[in-house]
Amino acid sequence: MPIRVFNTLGRRMEIFETLEPGRVKMYVCGPTVQDVAHLGHARTYIAFDAIIRFLEYYGYRVFYVRNVTDVGHIREETGEDRVIEGARRERLQPMELVDKYMFSFFQDMDALGIRRPNIQPRASMHILDMIEVTRRLIEKGHAYVVDGNVYFDVSTFPEYGKLSGIKYEELVKHRIEPDPRKRNPADFALWKRAEKGYLLKWNSPWGEGFPGWHIECCVMAMRYLGEQIDIHGGGQELILPHHENEIAQAEAYTGKKPFARYWLHTGYLTINGEKMSKSLGNFISIKDALKKYDPDVIRLFILSAHYRSQIDYNEASLKQAQLNLLRIRETLNQLHEVMGESEEVGEPAPREVDEARNRFIQAMEDDFNTPSALAELYRLVRSANAYLSSRSRHDRKVLKAYYDTILELSRVLGLLQHYEPEKLSLRADAKKILDILLKVREELRRRRLYDLSDDIRRRLAEMGIVVEDTAQGQRVRFRVIG
């Protein structure tokens, strides 16, 4: 079946069809580099990383642009540029602050295994492009100048609100640019006049100033991807006004519709029910999270929820992701070890492998449903463990089919990118310890000390090692909770 995505533009599921066959032009709004990146950023960029990896697995060539905002993002509460605010806080020049946190962000993305975009443009390097688009919008009657400020006239774009569904009466509440000289309260700035002493400013036909935040992404997307693109992504909080304004600017400038065919938005990452953000002061930095958890644990935690869903940060969910990851790795280690001791004996290929792969693909075709895709991966791991524990002699070809497919599907989601099987000497030690515990259990059961025997079994189960007492003796398997 074809890929189907939920398009915020129209608020419905649609079949995914690209502008050019086999090629995806994709833009995702990047960070404002004012401080360290937090898990809210990880939530968005891991989700889109998994989407890109699946599209490539599916056969598409993806050209991906993610920007860096280093000017023009005004804080609503203070009316001040966030970069300038951060520079004052740290007693740095604005571009010193930008370099510090831009490279910190890049390091975080690398540490999380998020692939680098094809291009990562900085807003401040595209000021001339923004001035040109602004100038053309004025010529076409979509923008006007007021004392060095340039505003987009929303009344000239009748479709304004088609992304968010907002009505005009509500629109004025979302504007943070009060100016009685605007034609309409809903009009927004394309260019802002810089007052004397302002640290980030450039020359323009309208005097010294700086670009409005909303024109930045629209200009950079068109600069590197063309006047129409396939996917535009970002967090849900960007739907209004940022993405709504991008559509108005781009479509008014080019006369082509739609600017982006599919708008994909990630849900919030919350902590104690509140959106995780710098402004609320409730964020956990990626660097702090990585001190505590493996990058794959963070990725698995995030992908355990659908990209459009809200996720609440809590230690229990991260511990569960940690346990599930451990079980996948343990199964791969065991498959790899037994493979080295086995030969091909003519067993038929297990149907569970192809079935799991097909169901995994179907889940991802359904609006990139990573929770369902992970459920199929966990099911395959359980099947592999059942095969390992159900017989004493194994077919190397069957083991390899399980091993290769578990690794293949994991890597489609960006998991286990650097996985290597554990050294056999370490595995042998672990097996010896497990064998000793099983012999102790056997002796306890012989002496009818069932409480102690059951306690050992319970504690092993907490680590994902399931011991079953059968007529043939103790049977061991590794369990994945999905």
Protein backbone atom coordinates (compact mmCIF):
# COMPACT_ATOMS: atom_id res chain seq x y z
CA MET A 1 0.00 0.00 0.00
CA PRO A 2 1.21 3.59 -0.54
CA ILE A 3 2.46 5.84 2.24
CA ARG A 4 -0.32 7.88 3.80
CA VAL A 5 0.39 10.95 5.95
CA PHE A 6 -1.68 13.26 8.11
CA ASN A 7 -1.46 16.66 6.43
CA THR A 8 -2.03 19.56 8.81
CA LEU A 9 -3.03 21.52 5.70
CA GLY A 10 -6.55 20.16 5.38
CA ARG A 11 -6.32 18.17 8.63
CA ARG A 12 -6.76 14.79 6.94
CA MET A 13 -4.90 11.67 5.89
CA GLU A 14 -3.58 11.84 2.33
CA ILE A 15 -1.65 9.56 -0.02
CA PHE A 16 1.97 10.72 -0.19
CA GLU A 17 2.91 11.80 -3.73
CA THR A 18 6.03 13.84 -4.40
CA LEU A 19 6.51 16.70 -6.85
CA GLU A 20 9.25 14.72 -8.61
CA PRO A 21 9.07 10.92 -8.82
CA GLY A 22 11.38 9.25 -6.32
CA ARG A 23 12.63 12.51 -4.77
CA VAL A 24 11.55 14.24 -1.56
CA LYS A 25 12.30 17.92 -0.91
CA MET A 26 11.97 18.41 2.84
CA TYR A 27 12.41 21.37 5.18
CA VAL A 28 12.19 21.29 8.98
CA CYS A 29 12.39 24.40 11.14
CA GLY A 30 15.61 24.35 13.14
CA PRO A 31 16.48 25.75 16.56
CA THR A 32 16.98 29.30 17.75
CA VAL A 33 20.51 28.95 19.10
CA GLN A 34 20.23 30.95 22.31
CA ASP A 35 20.97 28.22 24.87
CA VAL A 36 21.63 24.48 25.15
CA ALA A 37 19.23 22.18 23.29
CA HIS A 38 16.72 20.25 25.41
CA LEU A 39 14.71 17.04 25.06
CA GLY A 40 11.89 18.94 23.38
CA HIS A 41 14.29 19.52 20.47
CA ALA A 42 15.27 15.84 20.57
CA ARG A 43 11.59 14.88 20.36
CA THR A 44 11.12 16.77 17.09
CA TYR A 45 14.39 15.96 15.35
CA ILE A 46 14.43 12.25 16.27
CA ALA A 47 10.89 11.94 14.89
CA PHE A 48 11.84 13.54 11.58
CA ASP A 49 15.07 11.55 11.46
CA ALA A 50 13.03 8.33 11.63
CA ILE A 51 10.71 9.62 8.90
CA ILE A 52 13.65 10.43 6.62
CA ARG A 53 15.28 7.05 7.25
CA PHE A 54 12.05 5.24 6.38
CA LEU A 55 11.51 7.29 3.22
CA GLU A 56 15.02 6.34 2.10
CA TYR A 57 14.44 2.69 3.05
CA TYR A 58 11.28 2.90 0.95
CA GLY A 59 13.34 4.00 -2.05
CA TYR A 60 13.09 7.80 -2.04
CA ARG A 61 16.04 10.18 -2.33
CA VAL A 62 15.54 12.81 0.37
CA PHE A 63 17.08 16.27 0.15
CA TYR A 64 16.75 17.68 3.65
CA VAL A 65 17.22 21.27 4.84
CA ARG A 66 17.08 22.31 8.50
CA ASN A 67 17.91 25.91 9.33
CA VAL A 68 19.56 27.68 12.23
CA THR A 69 17.76 30.79 13.53
CA ASP A 70 20.33 33.30 14.74
CA VAL A 71 18.40 36.56 14.35
CA GLY A 72 14.86 37.90 14.40
CA HIS A 73 13.16 35.47 16.81
CA ILE A 74 11.50 37.88 19.23
CA ARG A 75 10.47 36.80 22.73
CA GLU A 76 6.79 37.58 23.21
CA GLU A 77 7.11 38.56 26.88
CA THR A 78 9.92 41.12 26.39
CA GLY A 79 9.80 42.04 22.70
CA GLU A 80 13.55 41.37 22.52
CA ASP A 81 15.54 39.17 20.17
CA ARG A 82 16.29 35.89 21.96
CA VAL A 83 19.88 35.84 20.74
CA ILE A 84 20.57 39.35 22.05
CA GLU A 85 18.90 38.43 25.33
CA GLY A 86 21.15 35.35 25.62
CA ALA A 87 24.26 37.33 24.71
CA ARG A 88 23.55 39.82 27.49
CA ARG A 89 23.00 36.96 29.94
CA GLU A 90 26.37 35.39 29.14
CA ARG A 91 28.26 38.63 28.47
CA LEU A 92 29.08 37.65 24.90
CA GLN A 93 28.67 39.26 21.52
CA PRO A 94 25.51 37.92 19.81
CA MET A 95 27.39 35.92 17.17
CA GLU A 96 29.75 34.50 19.80
CA LEU A 97 26.68 33.16 21.58
CA VAL A 98 25.31 31.83 18.28
CA ASP A 99 28.53 29.95 17.48
CA LYS A 100 28.71 28.53 20.99
CA TYR A 101 25.20 27.08 20.99
CA MET A 102 25.00 26.24 17.30
CA PHE A 103 27.97 23.89 17.58
CA SER A 104 26.64 22.60 20.90
CA PHE A 105 23.39 21.74 19.09
CA PHE A 106 25.28 19.99 16.28
CA GLN A 107 27.16 17.91 18.88
CA ASP A 108 23.87 16.93 20.54
CA MET A 109 22.34 15.87 17.22
CA ASP A 110 25.42 13.77 16.40
CA ALA A 111 25.37 12.19 19.86
CA LEU A 112 21.71 11.20 19.38
CA GLY A 113 22.50 9.59 16.03
CA ILE A 114 20.42 12.14 14.11
CA ARG A 115 21.75 12.34 10.59
CA ARG A 116 22.96 15.72 9.42
CA PRO A 117 20.77 17.55 6.88
CA ASN A 118 22.08 18.13 3.38
CA ILE A 119 22.18 21.85 4.17
CA GLN A 120 21.96 23.74 7.49
CA PRO A 121 21.61 27.41 6.51
CA ARG A 122 21.94 30.25 9.01
CA ALA A 123 19.35 33.01 8.80
CA SER A 124 21.97 35.75 9.15
CA MET A 125 23.72 34.51 6.00
CA HIS A 126 20.59 35.06 3.88
CA ILE A 127 19.68 38.66 4.70
CA LEU A 128 20.01 39.79 1.06
CA ASP A 129 17.62 37.03 -0.04
CA MET A 130 15.11 38.15 2.60
CA ILE A 131 15.41 41.79 1.51
CA GLU A 132 14.77 40.78 -2.11
CA VAL A 133 11.64 38.75 -1.25
CA THR A 134 10.37 41.61 0.92
CA ARG A 135 11.00 44.12 -1.88
CA ARG A 136 9.08 41.95 -4.34
CA LEU A 137 6.14 41.54 -1.94
CA ILE A 138 5.92 45.34 -1.68
CA GLU A 139 5.93 45.62 -5.49
CA LYS A 140 3.12 43.06 -5.77
CA GLY A 141 0.97 44.92 -3.24
CA HIS A 142 1.22 42.31 -0.48
CA ALA A 143 3.40 44.43 1.84
CA TYR A 144 3.80 48.06 2.84
CA VAL A 145 6.35 50.28 4.60
CA VAL A 146 5.72 52.18 7.83
CA ASP A 147 8.63 54.27 9.13
CA GLY A 148 11.35 51.70 8.32
CA ASN A 149 9.18 48.68 9.18
CA VAL A 150 7.73 46.47 6.45
CA TYR A 151 4.48 44.61 7.14
CA PHE A 152 2.72 41.85 5.23
CA ASP A 153 -0.87 42.88 4.48
CA VAL A 154 -2.93 39.83 5.48
CA SER A 155 -6.02 41.22 3.72
CA THR A 156 -4.29 40.67 0.35
CA PHE A 157 -4.06 36.92 0.97
CA PRO A 158 -7.65 35.62 1.29
CA GLU A 159 -6.53 32.09 2.16
CA TYR A 160 -4.73 33.21 5.31
CA GLY A 161 -5.64 30.77 8.09
CA LYS A 162 -5.96 27.69 5.87
CA LEU A 163 -3.24 25.82 7.78
CA SER A 164 -4.39 26.55 11.33
CA GLY A 165 -8.09 27.08 10.65
CA ILE A 166 -7.98 30.33 12.61
CA LYS A 167 -10.57 33.05 12.06
CA TYR A 168 -9.69 36.73 11.72
CA GLU A 169 -11.19 37.65 15.09
CA GLU A 170 -8.89 35.17 16.82
CA LEU A 171 -5.90 36.07 14.68
CA VAL A 172 -5.27 39.46 16.26
CA LYS A 173 -4.78 37.78 19.64
CA HIS A 174 -1.72 35.96 18.28
CA ARG A 175 0.08 39.10 17.12
CA ILE A 176 2.96 40.35 19.27
CA GLU A 177 3.74 43.38 17.07
CA PRO A 178 1.47 46.21 18.26
CA ASP A 179 1.72 49.20 15.95
CA PRO A 180 -1.24 51.57 15.49
CA ARG A 181 0.10 52.45 12.03
CA LYS A 182 -0.53 48.95 10.67
CA ARG A 183 -3.39 48.64 8.20
CA ASN A 184 -4.77 45.62 10.04
CA PRO A 185 -3.97 44.41 13.56
CA ALA A 186 -3.25 40.95 12.07
CA ASP A 187 -0.48 42.17 9.73
CA PHE A 188 2.99 40.86 10.60
CA ALA A 189 6.52 42.17 10.13
CA LEU A 190 8.75 41.18 7.22
CA TRP A 191 11.42 43.71 8.20
CA LYS A 192 11.87 45.65 11.43
CA ARG A 193 13.58 48.96 11.94
CA ALA A 194 16.54 48.79 14.32
CA GLU A 195 16.77 51.46 16.98
CA LYS A 196 20.07 53.18 17.67
CA GLY A 197 22.52 50.85 19.42
CA TYR A 198 20.69 47.66 18.37
CA LEU A 199 23.28 44.89 18.06
CA LEU A 200 21.90 42.87 15.12
CA LYS A 201 21.10 45.06 12.13
CA TRP A 202 21.71 45.32 8.39
CA ASN A 203 21.29 47.99 5.72
CA SER A 204 18.17 47.78 3.59
CA PRO A 205 16.15 50.00 1.22
CA TRP A 206 14.04 50.94 4.25
CA GLY A 207 16.93 51.79 6.57
CA GLU A 208 18.89 49.77 9.11
CA GLY A 209 17.00 46.83 10.52
CA PHE A 210 16.61 43.08 10.68
CA PRO A 211 14.27 40.46 9.20
CA GLY A 212 11.09 39.20 10.80
CA TRP A 213 11.33 35.61 12.02
CA HIS A 214 8.63 34.27 9.70
CA ILE A 215 10.28 35.32 6.45
CA GLU A 216 13.50 33.54 7.34
CA CYS A 217 12.38 29.92 6.96
CA CYS A 218 10.27 30.64 3.90
CA VAL A 219 13.21 32.29 2.12
CA MET A 220 15.74 29.60 3.08
CA ALA A 221 13.38 26.80 2.05
CA MET A 222 12.86 28.38 -1.38
CA ARG A 223 16.56 29.18 -1.72
CA TYR A 224 17.64 25.54 -1.43
CA LEU A 225 14.55 23.52 -2.37
CA GLY A 226 12.72 25.67 -4.90
CA GLU A 227 9.43 27.53 -4.91
CA GLN A 228 7.43 24.41 -4.00
CA ILE A 229 8.49 21.61 -1.68
CA ASP A 230 7.15 18.23 -0.61
CA ILE A 231 7.35 18.24 3.20
CA HIS A 232 7.57 21.09 5.66
CA GLY A 233 7.88 20.01 9.27
CA GLY A 234 8.21 21.36 12.77
CA GLY A 235 6.64 21.30 16.20
CA GLN A 236 2.90 21.87 16.69
CA GLU A 237 3.63 25.19 18.37
CA LEU A 238 4.85 26.55 15.01
CA ILE A 239 1.55 26.06 13.15
CA LEU A 240 0.41 29.55 14.18
CA PRO A 241 1.69 32.05 13.44
CA HIS A 242 5.04 30.86 12.02
CA HIS A 243 3.96 28.29 9.43
CA GLU A 244 0.77 30.15 8.59
CA ASN A 245 2.89 33.20 7.78
CA GLU A 246 5.37 31.16 5.74
CA ILE A 247 2.55 29.99 3.48
CA ALA A 248 1.22 33.53 2.99
CA GLN A 249 4.66 34.95 2.16
CA ALA A 250 5.79 32.16 -0.16
CA GLU A 251 2.53 31.81 -2.11
CA ALA A 252 2.08 35.59 -2.42
CA TYR A 253 5.69 35.88 -3.65
CA THR A 254 5.64 33.03 -6.19
CA GLY A 255 1.96 32.85 -7.11
CA LYS A 256 2.28 29.06 -6.84
CA LYS A 257 0.18 26.84 -4.57
CA PRO A 258 0.81 24.98 -2.40
CA PHE A 259 4.14 26.16 -1.04
CA ALA A 260 4.48 22.79 0.73
CA ARG A 261 2.36 19.78 -0.24
CA TYR A 262 2.47 18.15 3.22
CA TRP A 263 2.76 19.85 6.59
CA LEU A 264 3.86 17.47 9.36
CA HIS A 265 3.90 18.55 13.00
CA THR A 266 5.26 16.81 16.07
CA GLY A 267 3.45 16.75 19.40
CA TYR A 268 4.77 18.38 22.54
CA LEU A 269 7.16 16.79 24.97
CA THR A 270 5.72 17.58 28.39
CA ILE A 271 7.05 17.31 31.90
CA ASN A 272 4.47 17.06 34.66
CA GLY A 273 1.83 17.90 32.07
CA GLU A 274 3.45 21.17 30.92
CA LYS A 275 5.23 21.71 27.60
CA MET A 276 8.99 21.44 28.09
CA SER A 277 10.53 24.78 27.13
CA LYS A 278 13.23 27.24 28.07
CA SER A 279 10.70 29.99 28.77
CA LEU A 280 8.98 27.86 31.43
CA GLY A 281 12.32 26.84 32.94
CA ASN A 282 11.31 23.17 33.09
CA PHE A 283 13.59 21.75 30.45
CA ILE A 284 16.10 18.90 30.63
CA SER A 285 19.07 19.47 28.36
CA ILE A 286 20.09 16.79 25.87
CA LYS A 287 23.57 16.79 27.38
CA ASP A 288 22.20 16.08 30.87
CA ALA A 289 19.93 13.33 29.54
CA LEU A 290 22.87 11.70 27.75
CA LYS A 291 24.82 11.56 31.00
CA LYS A 292 22.10 9.28 32.34
CA TYR A 293 20.83 7.36 29.31
CA ASP A 294 22.22 5.75 26.18
CA PRO A 295 21.27 7.71 23.01
CA ASP A 296 19.27 4.71 21.81
CA VAL A 297 17.24 4.74 25.03
CA ILE A 298 16.22 8.36 24.40
CA ARG A 299 15.39 7.53 20.77
CA LEU A 300 13.36 4.47 21.74
CA PHE A 301 11.48 6.48 24.38
CA ILE A 302 10.56 9.13 21.81
CA LEU A 303 9.63 6.69 19.04
CA SER A 304 7.41 4.73 21.43
CA ALA A 305 4.85 7.50 20.86
CA HIS A 306 3.45 8.56 17.49
CA TYR A 307 5.16 11.68 16.17
CA ARG A 308 1.89 13.66 16.37
CA SER A 309 1.19 12.59 19.95
CA GLN A 310 2.13 14.33 23.15
CA ILE A 311 4.78 12.52 25.23
CA ASP A 312 5.22 13.05 28.94
CA TYR A 313 8.76 12.80 30.23
CA ASN A 314 9.00 10.41 33.15
CA GLU A 315 11.67 8.11 34.50
CA ALA A 316 9.43 5.03 34.33
CA SER A 317 9.03 5.34 30.55
CA LEU A 318 12.74 5.85 30.06
CA LYS A 319 13.52 2.84 32.26
CA GLN A 320 11.11 0.77 30.16
CA ALA A 321 12.84 1.94 26.98
CA GLN A 322 16.17 1.03 28.57
CA LEU A 323 14.90 -2.46 29.37
CA ASN A 324 13.45 -2.99 25.88
CA LEU A 325 16.70 -1.89 24.28
CA LEU A 326 18.67 -4.24 26.52
CA ARG A 327 16.48 -7.14 25.45
CA ILE A 328 16.90 -6.40 21.75
CA ARG A 329 20.67 -6.23 22.16
CA GLU A 330 20.70 -9.38 24.27
CA THR A 331 18.74 -11.27 21.63
CA LEU A 332 21.12 -10.10 18.90
CA ASN A 333 24.10 -11.12 21.02
CA GLN A 334 22.64 -14.56 21.61
CA LEU A 335 21.75 -15.04 17.93
CA HIS A 336 25.25 -14.01 16.90
CA GLU A 337 26.88 -16.35 19.39
CA VAL A 338 24.77 -19.37 18.48
CA MET A 339 25.31 -18.62 14.77
CA GLY A 340 29.02 -19.15 15.29
CA GLU A 341 28.35 -22.59 16.74
CA SER A 342 25.75 -23.73 14.17
CA GLU A 343 25.57 -25.06 10.63
CA GLU A 344 22.93 -24.95 7.92
CA VAL A 345 20.76 -28.05 8.34
CA GLY A 346 18.04 -27.36 5.77
CA GLU A 347 15.33 -25.83 7.93
CA PRO A 348 12.81 -23.70 6.00
CA ALA A 349 13.13 -19.93 6.38
CA PRO A 350 10.91 -18.76 9.25
CA ARG A 351 7.75 -17.09 7.92
CA GLU A 352 7.74 -14.86 11.02
CA VAL A 353 10.68 -12.88 9.59
CA ASP A 354 8.99 -11.80 6.35
CA GLU A 355 5.67 -11.29 8.12
CA ALA A 356 7.28 -9.01 10.70
CA ARG A 357 9.05 -6.99 8.02
CA ASN A 358 5.83 -6.58 6.02
CA ARG A 359 3.83 -5.50 9.07
CA PHE A 360 6.63 -3.12 10.09
CA ILE A 361 6.51 -1.46 6.65
CA GLN A 362 2.70 -1.29 6.77
CA ALA A 363 2.89 0.45 10.15
CA MET A 364 5.33 3.05 8.82
CA GLU A 365 3.24 3.52 5.67
CA ASP A 366 0.41 4.52 8.01
CA ASP A 367 1.59 8.06 8.83
CA PHE A 368 4.95 6.82 10.13
CA ASN A 369 3.41 4.91 13.03
CA THR A 370 6.55 4.12 15.01
CA PRO A 371 4.74 2.59 18.05
CA SER A 372 3.16 -0.04 15.78
CA ALA A 373 6.44 -0.55 13.94
CA LEU A 374 8.23 -1.12 17.26
CA ALA A 375 5.53 -3.61 18.27
CA GLU A 376 6.43 -5.66 15.18
CA LEU A 377 10.12 -5.44 16.04
CA TYR A 378 9.40 -6.68 19.57
CA ARG A 379 7.26 -9.50 18.17
CA LEU A 380 10.16 -10.58 15.96
CA VAL A 381 12.52 -10.53 18.95
CA ARG A 382 10.11 -12.75 20.88
CA SER A 383 9.94 -15.15 17.92
CA ALA A 384 13.74 -15.30 17.77
CA ASN A 385 13.95 -16.06 21.49
CA ALA A 386 11.34 -18.79 21.15
CA TYR A 387 13.40 -20.37 18.38
CA LEU A 388 16.59 -20.15 20.44
CA SER A 389 15.07 -21.74 23.53
CA SER A 390 12.89 -24.39 21.89
CA ARG A 391 15.65 -26.66 20.61
CA SER A 392 19.25 -27.65 21.19
CA ARG A 393 20.23 -27.66 17.50
CA HIS A 394 19.77 -24.56 15.33
CA ASP A 395 20.00 -23.80 11.62
CA ARG A 396 22.57 -21.10 10.94
CA LYS A 397 20.51 -19.74 8.02
CA VAL A 398 17.45 -19.29 10.26
CA LEU A 399 19.52 -17.60 12.95
CA LYS A 400 21.00 -15.23 10.37
CA ALA A 401 17.55 -14.35 9.03
CA TYR A 402 16.41 -13.35 12.52
CA TYR A 403 19.66 -11.50 13.27
CA ASP A 404 19.78 -9.55 10.00
CA THR A 405 16.11 -8.57 10.07
CA ILE A 406 16.08 -7.41 13.70
CA LEU A 407 19.12 -5.25 12.94
CA GLU A 408 17.65 -4.03 9.63
CA LEU A 409 14.34 -2.89 11.14
CA SER A 410 16.05 -1.34 14.16
CA ARG A 411 18.27 0.73 11.90
CA VAL A 412 15.35 1.93 9.79
CA LEU A 413 14.30 3.74 12.99
CA GLY A 414 17.85 4.89 13.65
CA LEU A 415 18.43 2.41 16.49
CA LEU A 416 21.59 0.32 17.00
CA GLN A 417 23.55 2.30 14.42
CA HIS A 418 26.83 1.40 16.13
CA TYR A 419 25.84 -2.00 17.48
CA GLU A 420 28.52 -4.67 17.66
CA PRO A 421 28.02 -8.11 19.24
CA GLU A 422 29.46 -8.47 22.71
CA LYS A 423 32.73 -10.33 23.06
CA LEU A 424 32.17 -14.03 23.56
CA SER A 425 34.33 -14.12 26.68
CA LEU A 426 31.99 -11.67 28.39
CA ARG A 427 28.97 -13.58 27.16
CA ALA A 428 30.49 -16.82 28.43
CA ASP A 429 30.89 -15.33 31.91
CA ALA A 430 27.27 -14.19 31.91
CA LYS A 431 26.14 -17.65 30.83
CA LYS A 432 28.16 -19.25 33.62
CA ILE A 433 26.46 -17.03 36.20
CA LEU A 434 23.04 -17.87 34.77
CA ASP A 435 23.86 -21.60 34.77
CA ILE A 436 24.88 -21.40 38.44
CA LEU A 437 21.60 -19.66 39.34
CA LEU A 438 19.61 -22.28 37.44
CA LYS A 439 21.40 -25.10 39.28
CA VAL A 440 20.67 -23.38 42.60
CA ARG A 441 16.99 -23.14 41.61
CA GLU A 442 16.94 -26.79 40.66
CA GLU A 443 18.37 -27.78 44.04
CA LEU A 444 15.93 -25.50 45.89
CA ARG A 445 13.00 -27.10 44.08
CA ARG A 446 14.35 -30.58 44.85
CA ARG A 447 14.34 -29.59 48.53
CA ARG A 448 10.85 -28.08 48.11
CA LEU A 449 12.05 -24.59 49.03
CA TYR A 450 9.68 -23.11 46.50
CA ASP A 451 9.58 -19.58 47.95
CA LEU A 452 13.32 -19.13 47.41
CA SER A 453 13.16 -20.77 43.99
CA ASP A 454 10.32 -18.48 42.92
CA ASP A 455 12.17 -15.43 44.24
CA ILE A 456 15.15 -16.18 41.97
CA ARG A 457 12.80 -16.63 39.03
CA ARG A 458 11.01 -13.36 39.82
CA ARG A 459 14.27 -11.40 40.02
CA LEU A 460 15.53 -12.87 36.76
CA ALA A 461 12.21 -11.94 35.13
CA GLU A 462 12.72 -8.32 36.19
CA MET A 463 15.90 -8.36 34.10
CA GLY A 464 14.06 -9.84 31.13
CA ILE A 465 15.22 -13.43 31.71
CA VAL A 466 12.16 -15.66 31.86
CA VAL A 467 12.60 -19.09 33.46
CA GLU A 468 9.83 -21.63 32.87
CA ASP A 469 9.63 -24.94 34.76
CA THR A 470 8.67 -27.74 32.36
CA ALA A 471 8.61 -31.53 32.47
CA GLN A 472 11.91 -31.48 30.59
CA GLY A 473 13.51 -29.07 33.07
CA GLN A 474 14.04 -25.33 33.19
CA ARG A 475 13.49 -23.43 29.96
CA VAL A 476 15.01 -19.95 29.53
CA ARG A 477 13.95 -17.22 27.16
CA PHE A 478 14.42 -13.46 26.92
CA ARG A 479 11.32 -11.30 26.96
CA VAL A 480 10.63 -7.95 25.29
CA ILE A 481 7.72 -5.88 26.53
CA GLY A 482 6.01 -4.12 23.64
